[in-house]
Amino acid sequence: DIGDEIIFNENVTVTATGVGSCTTPICKDTEALLEAQFWAIGGTGNDPFLVEDKEGNIVLHGDTTLLDNKHFFNKTSVCLPKDNACYTFLIGGDLQSDIFKPWGEYFPAQPSYSLFFDGKLMHRSDSWLFDSVRFGDSCKPLCNEEDESLVEFFLYDDSQRFSLENDEDVDNIPEVKYEYEWDLSIVNRSSSVSVSSGAVPQGPGFSPLVHKIMCIPKGGCSSFYISVPNPNGEYLALTPVYSLAMDNINYRKVSLYSNHNQSQTTNMGSCTVSGLCDVQTQDLFHLELRTPEKNENPYGSSSLAQSIKNWNMHWIFWNHGGDIYYEHNYNDLNYDLNSSFGVIECVPKGGCDSTFEIRADWSVESYAVKKNGVQLDDTKVTDVNLETTPFGQNCSPSIPPTTSSLSGGAIAGIAIACIVAGAAAVFGLYKRQKGGKEKENDDEVKDMAESQK
């Protein structure tokens, strides 16, 4: 009601002053009210969300629909059957906020959201790129937890614009349908067996938000391959973002620019050098990283930051031959707090000629570097919080690249949308060949690594 104070989360109080058709639907005895609340400061929020039933049918869809340069609250309500039900709420976009911006900057603030079902809070988040929430009285595990791993794939693409290469008049070219092809395989001794594959249709008539759950035998090495649409050799000007996780370990969270990357392959799970790599010429590099529960950036302007910007996470694997992997290849967006990230790659044999470096400051709770399954412990601090680990045993660390090389920088029912203006008090690959290795055309970083020869 107008004049009521809404405690959106522990940081924000919104006073309703506002407008719209705000009537909450009256549900039947066999139904429960689903209510999705969104709140943001400034900027336009137009991120899609949808709700699926247990058969995968979309029973509700919409977007956050927030207006510019104000504090806005958006509420969408619908009655859903509550008995023998299981629903999945999905939301996604191409931007993840790490901080509240109450001082009127023009940077768009990503909406926070709260999800209620039958009067109970199901989930709340102040920082997300993608999110999925399952609720209802008959939800069961999606995979056999004893012998299967759960792989979760999200993609968001609002490009839906088509042009031929070198065509400058992009706005006048009609939208077309296109597909991202993907394949999830089990990899063993340079061979692979496809477990799940398909295509992600995009273009007019398709939701820009895509979510897939796949189950794969536990304990093995898996490989996920995705290709950029290129029908009949025509160029598609696309800028999708996607994330890939297995058993709550995130392995990829990136923008996939169609003019740079034609495909990407991501290795996940329990991989071995003999199962994934050419043992004669390659070693297995495995990074395990954990972020802290709170963002305690000493240079940050707000203690309310809910994620870590990718440019605050600095790590790099390099050798004198110029082969480089660094954090931006695997996460060029934000790192979630209290979360695990993994990188698994086959790298050229080089022993002490190869080096891993990380700025192990407030952004890193813990990390481990493994070579062929063995954790390396010959780590030395070469600068303030800069830790260097040679990719060999008992090596004297090589002269590292300069610090600048570490700057790293998708039912039926009556839905009632209600937008309320509020006054808030806020405290402040590279080309990837399937089965091979990835290379990044990053001249600046390569030159810095080359200068260390």
Protein backbone atom coordinates (compact mmCIF):
# COMPACT_ATOMS: atom_id res chain seq x y z
CA ASP A 1 0.00 0.00 0.00
CA ILE A 2 1.09 3.56 -0.63
CA GLY A 3 3.04 4.90 2.34
CA ASP A 4 4.09 1.48 3.60
CA GLU A 5 7.75 0.81 4.22
CA ILE A 6 9.06 -2.26 2.40
CA ILE A 7 12.18 -3.85 3.87
CA PHE A 8 13.61 -5.15 0.62
CA ASN A 9 16.75 -6.52 2.28
CA GLU A 10 18.76 -5.75 5.36
CA ASN A 11 20.39 -2.80 3.60
CA VAL A 12 17.47 -1.07 1.90
CA THR A 13 14.16 0.34 3.09
CA VAL A 14 11.73 1.39 0.33
CA THR A 15 8.73 3.59 1.04
CA ALA A 16 5.87 2.97 -1.40
CA THR A 17 4.71 6.20 -3.05
CA GLY A 18 3.52 4.81 -6.21
CA VAL A 19 1.83 3.78 -9.26
CA GLY A 20 0.53 0.93 -11.39
CA SER A 21 -1.88 -1.96 -11.05
CA CYS A 22 -0.66 -3.19 -7.69
CA THR A 23 -3.49 -5.51 -6.73
CA THR A 24 -2.29 -8.88 -5.48
CA PRO A 25 -4.25 -11.78 -7.00
CA ILE A 26 -6.42 -13.90 -4.69
CA CYS A 27 -5.41 -17.55 -5.01
CA LYS A 28 -7.60 -20.64 -4.69
CA ASP A 29 -7.12 -23.13 -1.86
CA THR A 30 -5.19 -25.39 -4.25
CA GLU A 31 -2.91 -22.55 -5.33
CA ALA A 32 -0.08 -20.56 -3.78
CA LEU A 33 1.04 -17.02 -4.55
CA LEU A 34 4.39 -16.63 -6.29
CA GLU A 35 5.81 -13.15 -5.93
CA ALA A 36 9.02 -11.91 -7.58
CA GLN A 37 10.30 -8.58 -6.27
CA PHE A 38 13.00 -6.50 -7.98
CA TRP A 39 14.69 -3.38 -6.71
CA ALA A 40 17.43 -1.17 -8.19
CA ILE A 41 19.05 2.25 -7.99
CA GLY A 42 19.23 4.13 -11.27
CA GLY A 43 19.75 2.71 -14.73
CA THR A 44 17.35 0.65 -16.79
CA GLY A 45 16.76 -2.89 -15.64
CA ASN A 46 15.38 -5.07 -18.39
CA ASP A 47 16.69 -8.53 -17.56
CA PRO A 48 14.48 -11.50 -18.46
CA PHE A 49 13.16 -14.00 -15.95
CA LEU A 50 10.93 -17.02 -16.30
CA VAL A 51 9.39 -19.80 -14.23
CA GLU A 52 9.14 -23.41 -15.45
CA ASP A 53 7.10 -26.29 -14.04
CA LYS A 54 8.58 -29.74 -13.49
CA GLU A 55 7.81 -30.73 -17.10
CA GLY A 56 9.77 -27.76 -18.37
CA ASN A 57 6.74 -25.74 -19.47
CA ILE A 58 7.06 -21.97 -19.02
CA VAL A 59 4.31 -20.87 -16.64
CA LEU A 60 5.47 -17.28 -16.16
CA HIS A 61 7.87 -15.00 -17.96
CA GLY A 62 8.71 -11.31 -17.93
CA ASP A 63 11.52 -8.89 -17.23
CA THR A 64 12.59 -6.67 -14.38
CA THR A 65 11.23 -3.52 -16.10
CA LEU A 66 12.80 -0.78 -14.00
CA LEU A 67 12.89 2.88 -15.00
CA ASP A 68 15.80 5.34 -15.21
CA ASN A 69 17.55 7.44 -12.59
CA LYS A 70 15.26 6.63 -9.67
CA HIS A 71 14.91 4.08 -6.92
CA PHE A 72 12.38 1.62 -8.27
CA PHE A 73 10.61 -1.42 -6.98
CA ASN A 74 8.91 -3.92 -9.31
CA LYS A 75 6.65 -6.73 -8.14
CA THR A 76 5.19 -9.52 -10.29
CA SER A 77 2.64 -11.91 -8.77
CA VAL A 78 0.86 -15.02 -10.03
CA CYS A 79 -1.14 -17.91 -8.53
CA LEU A 80 0.30 -21.39 -9.19
CA PRO A 81 -0.85 -24.90 -8.22
CA LYS A 82 0.91 -25.81 -4.99
CA ASP A 83 0.27 -29.55 -4.56
CA ASN A 84 2.69 -32.05 -6.11
CA ALA A 85 4.52 -29.15 -7.70
CA CYS A 86 8.10 -28.24 -8.46
CA TYR A 87 9.03 -24.98 -10.16
CA THR A 88 12.29 -23.44 -11.34
CA PHE A 89 12.84 -19.68 -11.34
CA LEU A 90 15.47 -18.52 -13.85
CA ILE A 91 16.97 -15.08 -14.34
CA GLY A 92 19.90 -13.85 -16.40
CA GLY A 93 21.55 -10.86 -18.04
CA ASP A 94 24.86 -9.60 -19.37
CA LEU A 95 25.89 -7.47 -16.38
CA GLN A 96 26.63 -8.33 -12.76
CA SER A 97 26.85 -5.56 -10.19
CA ASP A 98 29.40 -5.72 -7.41
CA ILE A 99 28.33 -2.60 -5.54
CA PHE A 100 25.35 -0.39 -4.74
CA LYS A 101 25.54 3.10 -6.29
CA PRO A 102 23.29 5.46 -4.35
CA TRP A 103 25.07 8.65 -5.43
CA GLY A 104 23.54 8.90 -8.89
CA GLU A 105 26.25 7.57 -11.18
CA TYR A 106 25.16 6.78 -14.71
CA PHE A 107 26.37 3.21 -14.46
CA PRO A 108 23.28 0.95 -14.62
CA ALA A 109 22.54 -0.69 -11.29
CA GLN A 110 21.59 -4.34 -11.59
CA PRO A 111 18.32 -5.20 -9.84
CA SER A 112 18.36 -7.15 -6.62
CA TYR A 113 15.58 -9.69 -6.30
CA SER A 114 13.59 -11.60 -3.72
CA LEU A 115 11.41 -14.61 -4.53
CA PHE A 116 8.46 -15.63 -2.32
CA PHE A 117 6.22 -18.68 -2.68
CA ASP A 118 3.25 -19.36 -0.45
CA GLY A 119 4.37 -16.57 1.86
CA LYS A 120 7.87 -17.94 2.36
CA LEU A 121 11.15 -16.47 1.11
CA MET A 122 12.69 -18.89 -1.38
CA HIS A 123 15.78 -16.90 -2.33
CA ARG A 124 17.27 -13.41 -2.30
CA SER A 125 20.24 -12.09 -4.27
CA ASP A 126 21.93 -8.72 -4.64
CA SER A 127 24.46 -9.81 -7.27
CA TRP A 128 23.96 -12.30 -10.06
CA LEU A 129 24.76 -12.89 -13.70
CA PHE A 130 22.59 -16.01 -13.85
CA ASP A 131 20.55 -17.65 -11.15
CA SER A 132 18.25 -20.65 -10.78
CA VAL A 133 15.98 -21.39 -7.82
CA ARG A 134 13.91 -24.58 -7.43
CA PHE A 135 10.90 -24.57 -5.12
CA GLY A 136 7.78 -26.63 -4.42
CA ASP A 137 6.84 -29.68 -2.34
CA SER A 138 7.80 -32.34 -4.91
CA CYS A 139 11.24 -31.22 -6.11
CA LYS A 140 13.70 -34.09 -6.39
CA PRO A 141 17.45 -34.10 -7.12
CA LEU A 142 18.12 -33.46 -10.80
CA CYS A 143 20.94 -36.02 -10.91
CA ASN A 144 21.76 -39.21 -9.01
CA GLU A 145 23.98 -37.59 -6.43
CA GLU A 146 25.89 -40.80 -5.63
CA ASP A 147 27.25 -41.50 -9.09
CA GLU A 148 26.45 -38.49 -11.26
CA SER A 149 27.76 -34.93 -11.49
CA LEU A 150 25.45 -32.04 -12.31
CA VAL A 151 26.52 -29.71 -15.11
CA GLU A 152 24.70 -26.37 -15.34
CA PHE A 153 24.86 -24.23 -18.46
CA PHE A 154 23.46 -20.69 -18.83
CA LEU A 155 23.53 -18.47 -21.92
CA TYR A 156 22.14 -14.99 -22.48
CA ASP A 157 22.09 -13.37 -25.91
CA ASP A 158 20.13 -10.20 -26.60
CA SER A 159 22.02 -9.44 -29.82
CA GLN A 160 19.42 -10.98 -32.14
CA ARG A 161 20.85 -8.85 -34.90
CA PHE A 162 22.25 -10.12 -38.16
CA SER A 163 24.78 -8.62 -40.56
CA LEU A 164 27.07 -9.76 -43.31
CA GLU A 165 30.78 -9.22 -42.73
CA ASN A 166 31.91 -5.66 -43.43
CA ASP A 167 28.29 -4.48 -43.64
CA GLU A 168 28.09 -1.23 -41.72
CA ASP A 169 24.32 -0.76 -41.92
CA VAL A 170 23.59 -3.24 -39.14
CA ASP A 171 20.38 -1.60 -37.94
CA ASN A 172 18.57 -2.08 -41.25
CA ILE A 173 19.31 -5.79 -41.61
CA PRO A 174 16.43 -8.05 -40.55
CA GLU A 175 16.68 -10.35 -37.56
CA VAL A 176 17.23 -14.03 -38.31
CA LYS A 177 17.19 -17.28 -36.42
CA TYR A 178 20.49 -18.94 -35.57
CA GLU A 179 21.89 -21.61 -33.26
CA TYR A 180 24.73 -22.18 -30.84
CA GLU A 181 25.86 -25.80 -31.06
CA TRP A 182 27.17 -27.50 -27.94
CA ASP A 183 28.46 -30.91 -26.88
CA LEU A 184 29.27 -32.40 -23.47
CA SER A 185 31.65 -35.36 -23.64
CA ILE A 186 33.58 -37.73 -21.41
CA VAL A 187 37.26 -37.60 -22.33
CA ASN A 188 39.69 -40.48 -21.86
CA ARG A 189 43.07 -41.03 -23.49
CA SER A 190 42.61 -38.59 -26.35
CA SER A 191 39.18 -39.95 -27.25
CA SER A 192 35.77 -38.64 -26.31
CA VAL A 193 32.27 -40.01 -25.98
CA SER A 194 29.39 -37.57 -26.29
CA VAL A 195 26.98 -37.67 -23.35
CA SER A 196 24.71 -34.81 -24.33
CA SER A 197 24.62 -32.44 -27.27
CA GLY A 198 22.28 -30.09 -29.02
CA ALA A 199 21.69 -26.60 -30.33
CA VAL A 200 20.53 -23.40 -28.65
CA PRO A 201 18.11 -21.59 -30.97
CA GLN A 202 18.12 -17.80 -30.88
CA GLY A 203 16.53 -14.97 -32.84
CA PRO A 204 12.96 -13.70 -33.13
CA GLY A 205 10.51 -15.79 -31.13
CA PHE A 206 13.10 -17.29 -28.77
CA SER A 207 13.94 -16.26 -25.22
CA PRO A 208 17.40 -14.69 -24.91
CA LEU A 209 17.84 -16.65 -21.65
CA VAL A 210 18.83 -20.31 -21.99
CA HIS A 211 19.35 -22.81 -19.15
CA LYS A 212 20.28 -26.48 -19.36
CA ILE A 213 20.98 -29.14 -16.73
CA MET A 214 23.01 -32.21 -17.73
CA CYS A 215 23.98 -35.26 -15.67
CA ILE A 216 27.30 -36.96 -16.34
CA PRO A 217 29.05 -39.91 -14.64
CA LYS A 218 30.89 -38.76 -11.53
CA GLY A 219 34.64 -39.08 -11.20
CA GLY A 220 35.55 -38.67 -14.86
CA CYS A 221 37.01 -35.94 -17.02
CA SER A 222 34.47 -33.98 -19.05
CA SER A 223 34.75 -31.53 -21.90
CA PHE A 224 32.15 -28.96 -22.95
CA TYR A 225 32.35 -27.52 -26.47
CA ILE A 226 30.34 -24.55 -27.78
CA SER A 227 30.50 -22.98 -31.23
CA VAL A 228 29.44 -19.55 -32.43
CA PRO A 229 26.74 -19.51 -35.12
CA ASN A 230 28.16 -19.15 -38.60
CA PRO A 231 25.43 -20.26 -41.05
CA ASN A 232 26.62 -20.56 -44.63
CA GLY A 233 29.81 -18.72 -43.77
CA GLU A 234 27.92 -15.55 -42.91
CA TYR A 235 29.08 -13.30 -40.09
CA LEU A 236 26.82 -12.84 -37.07
CA ALA A 237 27.45 -9.79 -34.90
CA LEU A 238 26.77 -11.47 -31.53
CA THR A 239 27.91 -10.75 -27.98
CA PRO A 240 26.44 -13.50 -25.78
CA VAL A 241 27.57 -14.32 -22.27
CA TYR A 242 27.52 -17.80 -20.79
CA SER A 243 28.50 -19.68 -17.66
CA LEU A 244 29.38 -23.31 -17.08
CA ALA A 245 29.62 -25.13 -13.76
CA MET A 246 29.95 -28.71 -12.54
CA ASP A 247 29.05 -29.71 -8.99
CA ASN A 248 29.04 -26.04 -7.91
CA ILE A 249 32.52 -25.38 -9.32
CA ASN A 250 32.47 -22.66 -11.97
CA TYR A 251 34.75 -23.31 -14.94
CA ARG A 252 33.71 -20.58 -17.36
CA LYS A 253 31.87 -17.24 -17.04
CA VAL A 254 32.64 -15.15 -20.08
CA SER A 255 31.51 -13.02 -22.98
CA LEU A 256 31.72 -14.96 -26.22
CA TYR A 257 32.44 -12.43 -28.94
CA SER A 258 31.60 -13.88 -32.34
CA ASN A 259 34.21 -11.79 -34.13
CA HIS A 260 37.00 -13.20 -31.93
CA ASN A 261 36.01 -16.71 -30.87
CA GLN A 262 34.53 -19.28 -33.19
CA SER A 263 34.42 -21.92 -30.47
CA GLN A 264 35.50 -22.70 -26.92
CA THR A 265 36.20 -25.94 -25.08
CA THR A 266 36.14 -26.16 -21.29
CA ASN A 267 37.56 -29.09 -19.33
CA MET A 268 35.90 -30.05 -16.05
CA GLY A 269 35.93 -32.71 -13.35
CA SER A 270 38.62 -35.22 -12.41
CA CYS A 271 41.04 -35.05 -15.34
CA THR A 272 44.42 -36.79 -15.55
CA VAL A 273 47.40 -36.02 -17.75
CA SER A 274 47.19 -39.44 -19.42
CA GLY A 275 43.45 -39.15 -19.98
CA LEU A 276 43.35 -35.62 -21.37
CA CYS A 277 46.78 -34.64 -22.65
CA ASP A 278 49.55 -35.86 -24.95
CA VAL A 279 51.91 -37.15 -22.25
CA GLN A 280 54.92 -36.86 -24.55
CA THR A 281 54.58 -33.12 -25.08
CA GLN A 282 52.11 -31.84 -22.48
CA ASP A 283 51.55 -31.52 -18.74
CA LEU A 284 48.22 -31.02 -16.98
CA PHE A 285 47.68 -27.62 -15.35
CA HIS A 286 44.90 -27.50 -12.73
CA LEU A 287 43.97 -24.41 -10.74
CA GLU A 288 41.53 -24.56 -7.83
CA LEU A 289 40.45 -21.20 -6.38
CA ARG A 290 38.06 -20.13 -3.65
CA THR A 291 36.71 -16.62 -3.07
CA PRO A 292 36.03 -15.17 0.41
CA GLU A 293 32.61 -14.86 2.02
CA LYS A 294 32.80 -11.05 2.04
CA ASN A 295 34.21 -8.44 -0.32
CA GLU A 296 36.73 -6.62 1.83
CA ASN A 297 38.42 -4.57 -0.87
CA PRO A 298 40.35 -1.92 1.11
CA TYR A 299 40.06 0.47 -1.84
CA GLY A 300 36.35 -0.09 -2.41
CA SER A 301 33.81 2.67 -1.83
CA SER A 302 31.16 0.46 -0.29
CA SER A 303 31.08 -2.37 2.20
CA LEU A 304 27.96 -3.70 0.46
CA ALA A 305 29.78 -5.13 -2.57
CA GLN A 306 28.27 -8.54 -3.28
CA SER A 307 30.79 -9.92 -5.78
CA ILE A 308 34.36 -9.32 -6.98
CA LYS A 309 35.05 -7.52 -10.23
CA ASN A 310 37.18 -9.54 -12.61
CA TRP A 311 39.83 -6.82 -12.70
CA ASN A 312 40.36 -7.36 -8.96
CA MET A 313 41.31 -10.99 -9.61
CA HIS A 314 44.84 -11.32 -11.00
CA TRP A 315 46.43 -14.60 -12.00
CA ILE A 316 48.43 -15.76 -15.00
CA PHE A 317 50.12 -18.93 -16.27
CA TRP A 318 52.92 -18.24 -18.71
CA ASN A 319 56.13 -19.64 -20.10
CA HIS A 320 59.06 -18.32 -22.08
CA GLY A 321 57.50 -19.65 -25.27
CA GLY A 322 54.68 -17.17 -24.85
CA ASP A 323 51.82 -19.60 -24.18
CA ILE A 324 49.52 -17.76 -21.80
CA TYR A 325 46.37 -18.49 -19.82
CA TYR A 326 45.04 -15.83 -17.50
CA GLU A 327 41.98 -15.06 -15.45
CA HIS A 328 40.21 -13.09 -18.18
CA ASN A 329 40.01 -16.18 -20.39
CA TYR A 330 37.80 -17.97 -17.85
CA ASN A 331 35.93 -15.15 -16.11
CA ASP A 332 35.77 -11.71 -17.72
CA LEU A 333 32.74 -10.73 -15.61
CA ASN A 334 32.41 -10.99 -11.82
CA TYR A 335 33.49 -13.62 -9.30
CA ASP A 336 30.75 -14.66 -6.90
CA LEU A 337 31.58 -14.57 -3.21
CA ASN A 338 32.09 -17.78 -1.24
CA SER A 339 32.41 -19.76 -4.48
CA SER A 340 34.80 -22.19 -6.15
CA PHE A 341 36.41 -21.77 -9.58
CA GLY A 342 38.46 -24.24 -11.58
CA VAL A 343 40.74 -24.24 -14.62
CA ILE A 344 42.03 -27.40 -16.30
CA GLU A 345 44.32 -27.18 -19.35
CA CYS A 346 46.95 -29.20 -21.17
CA VAL A 347 50.08 -27.05 -21.37
CA PRO A 348 53.44 -27.55 -23.15
CA LYS A 349 56.04 -29.39 -21.12
CA GLY A 350 58.49 -26.91 -19.74
CA GLY A 351 58.93 -27.53 -16.04
CA CYS A 352 60.64 -24.56 -14.50
CA ASP A 353 60.29 -22.53 -17.69
CA SER A 354 56.59 -22.17 -16.89
CA THR A 355 55.28 -20.09 -14.01
CA PHE A 356 51.98 -19.44 -12.25
CA GLU A 357 51.44 -16.09 -10.56
CA ILE A 358 48.56 -14.79 -8.48
CA ARG A 359 47.86 -11.64 -6.55
CA ALA A 360 46.77 -13.45 -3.38
CA ASP A 361 45.15 -10.52 -1.61
CA TRP A 362 41.64 -9.85 -0.26
CA SER A 363 40.02 -11.32 -3.42
CA VAL A 364 41.37 -14.86 -2.80
CA GLU A 365 40.38 -17.05 0.14
CA SER A 366 42.54 -19.99 -0.96
CA TYR A 367 44.02 -21.57 -4.07
CA ALA A 368 45.99 -24.61 -5.19
CA VAL A 369 48.08 -25.20 -8.31
CA LYS A 370 48.51 -28.78 -9.47
CA LYS A 371 50.80 -30.29 -12.08
CA ASN A 372 49.74 -33.72 -13.32
CA GLY A 373 47.62 -34.16 -10.22
CA VAL A 374 50.35 -33.17 -7.73
CA GLN A 375 49.96 -29.93 -5.80
CA LEU A 376 52.95 -27.58 -6.17
CA ASP A 377 54.24 -25.96 -3.02
CA ASP A 378 57.43 -24.20 -4.18
CA THR A 379 55.71 -20.83 -3.89
CA LYS A 380 57.46 -17.59 -3.10
CA VAL A 381 56.26 -14.06 -2.49
CA THR A 382 57.96 -11.86 -5.10
CA ASP A 383 56.05 -8.64 -4.40
CA VAL A 384 53.32 -7.43 -2.06
CA ASN A 385 50.76 -10.27 -2.11
CA LEU A 386 52.21 -11.47 -5.44
CA GLU A 387 52.90 -15.20 -5.16
CA THR A 388 54.93 -17.06 -7.79
CA THR A 389 54.87 -20.84 -8.28
CA PRO A 390 57.20 -22.41 -10.86
CA PHE A 391 55.51 -25.21 -12.80
CA GLY A 392 58.14 -27.65 -11.62
CA GLN A 393 59.63 -28.92 -8.40
CA ASN A 394 62.38 -27.11 -6.45
CA CYS A 395 62.81 -24.36 -9.04
CA SER A 396 64.05 -20.88 -8.41
CA PRO A 397 61.22 -18.66 -9.62
CA SER A 398 61.83 -17.04 -12.97
CA ILE A 399 61.64 -13.28 -13.25
CA PRO A 400 57.90 -12.69 -13.49
CA PRO A 401 56.09 -10.41 -15.89
CA THR A 402 55.58 -6.88 -14.58
CA THR A 403 52.59 -6.24 -12.39
CA SER A 404 50.87 -4.45 -15.26
CA SER A 405 50.61 -7.75 -17.08
CA LEU A 406 48.22 -8.87 -14.36
CA SER A 407 45.73 -6.03 -14.88
CA GLY A 408 42.87 -8.23 -16.09
CA GLY A 409 41.66 -5.84 -17.37
CA ALA A 410 23.90 -14.82 -19.64
CA ILE A 411 0.87 -21.16 -16.82
CA ALA A 412 -1.72 -20.19 -16.85
CA GLY A 413 -2.60 -17.53 -14.39
CA ILE A 414 -2.90 -13.81 -14.18
CA ALA A 415 0.43 -12.06 -13.72
CA ILE A 416 0.15 -8.64 -12.20
CA ALA A 417 3.13 -6.30 -12.56
CA CYS A 418 3.48 -3.44 -10.14
CA ILE A 419 6.11 -0.71 -10.38
CA VAL A 420 6.52 1.38 -7.27
CA ALA A 421 8.70 4.45 -7.02
CA GLY A 422 10.60 4.41 -3.77
CA ALA A 423 12.76 6.61 -1.66
CA ALA A 424 15.61 4.44 -0.42
CA ALA A 425 18.10 4.83 2.37
CA VAL A 426 21.18 2.94 1.29
CA PHE A 427 24.39 2.51 3.20
CA GLY A 428 26.93 2.81 1.45
CA LEU A 429 39.67 -18.31 -27.40
CA TYR A 430 40.81 -17.47 -28.57
CA LYS A 431 40.54 -19.97 -31.30
CA ARG A 432 39.93 -23.31 -29.64
CA GLN A 433 40.57 -26.55 -31.47
CA LYS A 434 38.64 -29.46 -30.00
CA GLY A 435 41.07 -31.66 -28.09
CA GLY A 436 43.88 -29.11 -28.41
CA LYS A 437 44.98 -26.10 -26.43
CA GLU A 438 43.73 -22.56 -26.42
CA LYS A 439 45.65 -19.48 -27.46
CA GLU A 440 44.79 -15.86 -26.78
CA ASN A 441 45.71 -13.01 -29.06
CA ASP A 442 46.57 -10.65 -26.28
CA ASP A 443 49.56 -8.76 -27.61
CA GLU A 444 50.17 -6.76 -24.47
CA VAL A 445 50.43 -9.76 -22.16
CA LYS A 446 52.40 -11.81 -24.69
CA ASP A 447 54.93 -9.01 -25.14
CA MET A 448 55.42 -8.78 -21.40
CA ALA A 449 55.97 -12.52 -21.12
CA GLU A 450 58.28 -12.48 -24.15
CA SER A 451 60.39 -9.76 -22.57
CA GLN A 452 61.25 -12.15 -19.75
CA LYS A 453 63.15 -14.56 -22.03
